[in-house]
Structures are given as structure tokens and as C-alpha cells.
């Protein structure tokens, strides 16, 4: 049975530290262009199967751990860029509100 992989961050909580988790998804059906996966964590897909394109560069899960790592790195770097953007926007908002109430 084919297995697809996805790495995810498990964020720090009050009693634990941040870790990386490798999720494995069983492919229960395969076509020429698509894998269909399910998860023991049915809530991940709203209780439904998930379609994963074989030829996509940016998909939910991958057929090798190496591809899954590469995708994790891309996703995480994109997330960092977005967080930096929103931090700057929030700082601007704080400056604007301060200026408008100091006048």
C-alpha cells in the first residue's frame, strides 16, 4: 500500500516543546494523476477522502519524505514572510492610533 508523507510543526504548549511531526497517509485508491488518501484523523479532511495530485509541486502530501521535507521548508518560509508582514502592519497600526490620540 502506498504511503504519502507530510511534515508539520507541533507548536509549543505550556508543558511541552515545539516538535516536528511526520504524518503518514495511506493511499487507498490511485489513478494515473491522483492519489486518494485518508487519515486516522478524519477531522483533518472533514471526514472525507483527500485528493492529492501526483504532478503538483505544491500539494498536501508527497510520495517521498524528501519531497515532504522540501515542501515543509517552503511552507514554513512562506509562513515566516507572512508573519513578518503582519508584524509590520500591526506596528504601523499602533503608531497611527497613537498619533491620532496624541493630537
C-alpha atoms as a PDB file:
ATOM      1  CA  UNK A   1       0.000   0.000   0.000  1.00  0.00           C
ATOM      2  CA  UNK A   2       1.349   3.417  -0.994  1.00  0.00           C
ATOM      3  CA  UNK A   3       2.104   5.878   1.818  1.00  0.00           C
ATOM      4  CA  UNK A   4       2.239   9.671   1.408  1.00  0.00           C
ATOM      5  CA  UNK A   5       4.065  11.979   3.804  1.00  0.00           C
ATOM      6  CA  UNK A   6       3.601  15.441   5.294  1.00  0.00           C
ATOM      7  CA  UNK A   7       5.716  17.214   7.923  1.00  0.00           C
ATOM      8  CA  UNK A   8       4.028  19.614  10.331  1.00  0.00           C
ATOM      9  CA  UNK A   9       5.025  21.759  13.279  1.00  0.00           C
ATOM     10  CA  UNK A  10       3.532  20.817  16.611  1.00  0.00           C
ATOM     11  CA  UNK A  11       3.659  24.106  18.440  1.00  0.00           C
ATOM     12  CA  UNK A  12       4.946  24.635  21.947  1.00  0.00           C
ATOM     13  CA  UNK A  13       2.419  24.319  24.707  1.00  0.00           C
ATOM     14  CA  UNK A  14       2.690  25.086  28.412  1.00  0.00           C
ATOM     15  CA  UNK A  15       4.064  21.639  29.220  1.00  0.00           C
ATOM     16  CA  UNK A  16       5.900  20.643  26.056  1.00  0.00           C
ATOM     17  CA  UNK A  17       8.295  22.000  23.468  1.00  0.00           C
ATOM     18  CA  UNK A  18       7.860  22.575  19.736  1.00  0.00           C
ATOM     19  CA  UNK A  19       8.431  19.463  17.642  1.00  0.00           C
ATOM     20  CA  UNK A  20       8.197  18.356  14.034  1.00  0.00           C
ATOM     21  CA  UNK A  21       5.689  15.627  13.260  1.00  0.00           C
ATOM     22  CA  UNK A  22       5.742  13.337  10.257  1.00  0.00           C
ATOM     23  CA  UNK A  23       2.219  12.358   9.251  1.00  0.00           C
ATOM     24  CA  UNK A  24       1.754   9.286   7.094  1.00  0.00           C
ATOM     25  CA  UNK A  25      -1.336   8.871   4.944  1.00  0.00           C
ATOM     26  CA  UNK A  26      -2.438   5.611   3.384  1.00  0.00           C
ATOM     27  CA  UNK A  27      -3.329   5.790  -0.279  1.00  0.00           C
ATOM     28  CA  UNK A  28      -6.461   3.724  -0.664  1.00  0.00           C
ATOM     29  CA  UNK A  29      -7.017   4.484  -4.348  1.00  0.00           C
ATOM     30  CA  UNK A  30      -4.751   5.650  -7.153  1.00  0.00           C
ATOM     31  CA  UNK A  31      -5.335   6.875 -10.685  1.00  0.00           C
ATOM     32  CA  UNK A  32      -2.882   7.939 -13.367  1.00  0.00           C
ATOM     33  CA  UNK A  33      -2.761  11.514 -11.989  1.00  0.00           C
ATOM     34  CA  UNK A  34      -4.074  11.297  -8.443  1.00  0.00           C
ATOM     35  CA  UNK A  35      -3.679   9.622  -5.078  1.00  0.00           C
ATOM     36  CA  UNK A  36      -6.672   9.406  -2.756  1.00  0.00           C
ATOM     37  CA  UNK A  37      -5.699   9.369   0.878  1.00  0.00           C
ATOM     38  CA  UNK A  38      -7.470   9.045   4.169  1.00  0.00           C
ATOM     39  CA  UNK A  39      -6.318   9.620   7.681  1.00  0.00           C
ATOM     40  CA  UNK A  40      -6.847   8.071  11.061  1.00  0.00           C
ATOM     41  CA  UNK A  41      -7.504  11.699  11.985  1.00  0.00           C
ATOM     42  CA  UNK A  42     -10.736  12.043  10.000  1.00  0.00           C
ATOM     43  CA  UNK A  43     -11.224  15.630  11.164  1.00  0.00           C
ATOM     44  CA  UNK A  44      -8.238  16.675   9.030  1.00  0.00           C
ATOM     45  CA  UNK A  45     -10.278  16.234   5.863  1.00  0.00           C
ATOM     46  CA  UNK A  46     -13.716  16.946   7.229  1.00  0.00           C
ATOM     47  CA  UNK A  47     -14.347  13.209   7.469  1.00  0.00           C
ATOM     48  CA  UNK A  48     -13.792  12.775   3.727  1.00  0.00           C
ATOM     49  CA  UNK A  49     -11.077  11.449   1.472  1.00  0.00           C
ATOM     50  CA  UNK A  50      -8.380  13.841   0.242  1.00  0.00           C
ATOM     51  CA  UNK A  51      -7.306  14.057  -3.384  1.00  0.00           C
ATOM     52  CA  UNK A  52      -3.558  14.567  -3.918  1.00  0.00           C
ATOM     53  CA  UNK A  53      -2.285  15.284  -7.414  1.00  0.00           C
ATOM     54  CA  UNK A  54       0.821  13.322  -8.368  1.00  0.00           C
ATOM     55  CA  UNK A  55       2.348  16.028 -10.576  1.00  0.00           C
ATOM     56  CA  UNK A  56       1.727  19.040  -8.305  1.00  0.00           C
ATOM     57  CA  UNK A  57       4.696  20.923  -6.856  1.00  0.00           C
ATOM     58  CA  UNK A  58       2.559  22.303  -4.056  1.00  0.00           C
ATOM     59  CA  UNK A  59       0.226  19.667  -2.694  1.00  0.00           C
ATOM     60  CA  UNK A  60      -0.876  18.380   0.690  1.00  0.00           C
ATOM     61  CA  UNK A  61       1.309  15.250   0.927  1.00  0.00           C
ATOM     62  CA  UNK A  62       4.140  13.653  -1.043  1.00  0.00           C
ATOM     63  CA  UNK A  63       5.225  10.187  -2.069  1.00  0.00           C
ATOM     64  CA  UNK A  64       8.736  10.598  -0.593  1.00  0.00           C
ATOM     65  CA  UNK A  65       9.943  12.001   2.695  1.00  0.00           C
ATOM     66  CA  UNK A  66      12.487  14.142   0.807  1.00  0.00           C
ATOM     67  CA  UNK A  67       9.734  15.911  -1.154  1.00  0.00           C
ATOM     68  CA  UNK A  68       7.740  16.310   2.059  1.00  0.00           C
ATOM     69  CA  UNK A  69      10.737  17.980   3.744  1.00  0.00           C
ATOM     70  CA  UNK A  70      11.247  20.336   0.792  1.00  0.00           C
ATOM     71  CA  UNK A  71       7.573  21.309   0.907  1.00  0.00           C
ATOM     72  CA  UNK A  72       7.714  21.819   4.680  1.00  0.00           C
ATOM     73  CA  UNK A  73      10.664  24.205   4.236  1.00  0.00           C
ATOM     74  CA  UNK A  74       8.824  26.180   1.504  1.00  0.00           C
ATOM     75  CA  UNK A  75       5.618  26.354   3.574  1.00  0.00           C
ATOM     76  CA  UNK A  76       7.448  27.433   6.696  1.00  0.00           C
ATOM     77  CA  UNK A  77       9.490  30.112   4.919  1.00  0.00           C
ATOM     78  CA  UNK A  78       6.286  31.483   3.377  1.00  0.00           C
ATOM     79  CA  UNK A  79       4.636  31.498   6.810  1.00  0.00           C
ATOM     80  CA  UNK A  80       7.612  33.443   8.232  1.00  0.00           C
ATOM     81  CA  UNK A  81       7.323  36.052   5.461  1.00  0.00           C
ATOM     82  CA  UNK A  82       3.599  36.495   6.186  1.00  0.00           C
ATOM     83  CA  UNK A  83       4.188  36.834   9.913  1.00  0.00           C
ATOM     84  CA  UNK A  84       6.873  39.479   9.306  1.00  0.00           C
ATOM     85  CA  UNK A  85       4.479  41.372   7.033  1.00  0.00           C
ATOM     86  CA  UNK A  86       1.686  41.293   9.617  1.00  0.00           C
ATOM     87  CA  UNK A  87       4.011  42.329  12.449  1.00  0.00           C
ATOM     88  CA  UNK A  88       4.990  45.414  10.439  1.00  0.00           C
ATOM     89  CA  UNK A  89       1.354  46.202   9.638  1.00  0.00           C
ATOM     90  CA  UNK A  90       0.385  45.879  13.301  1.00  0.00           C
ATOM     91  CA  UNK A  91       3.229  48.186  14.337  1.00  0.00           C
ATOM     92  CA  UNK A  92       2.045  50.750  11.771  1.00  0.00           C
ATOM     93  CA  UNK A  93      -1.484  50.476  13.155  1.00  0.00           C
ATOM     94  CA  UNK A  94      -0.232  51.082  16.684  1.00  0.00           C
ATOM     95  CA  UNK A  95       1.766  54.119  15.513  1.00  0.00           C
ATOM     96  CA  UNK A  96      -1.277  55.512  13.671  1.00  0.00           C
ATOM     97  CA  UNK A  97      -3.604  55.112  16.651  1.00  0.00           C
ATOM     98  CA  UNK A  98      -1.036  56.646  18.968  1.00  0.00           C
ATOM     99  CA  UNK A  99      -0.595  59.648  16.634  1.00  0.00           C
ATOM    100  CA  UNK A 100      -4.342  60.176  16.302  1.00  0.00           C
ATOM    101  CA  UNK A 101      -4.895  60.090  20.067  1.00  0.00           C
ATOM    102  CA  UNK A 102      -1.840  62.189  20.969  1.00  0.00           C
ATOM    103  CA  UNK A 103      -3.114  65.121  18.934  1.00  0.00           C
END
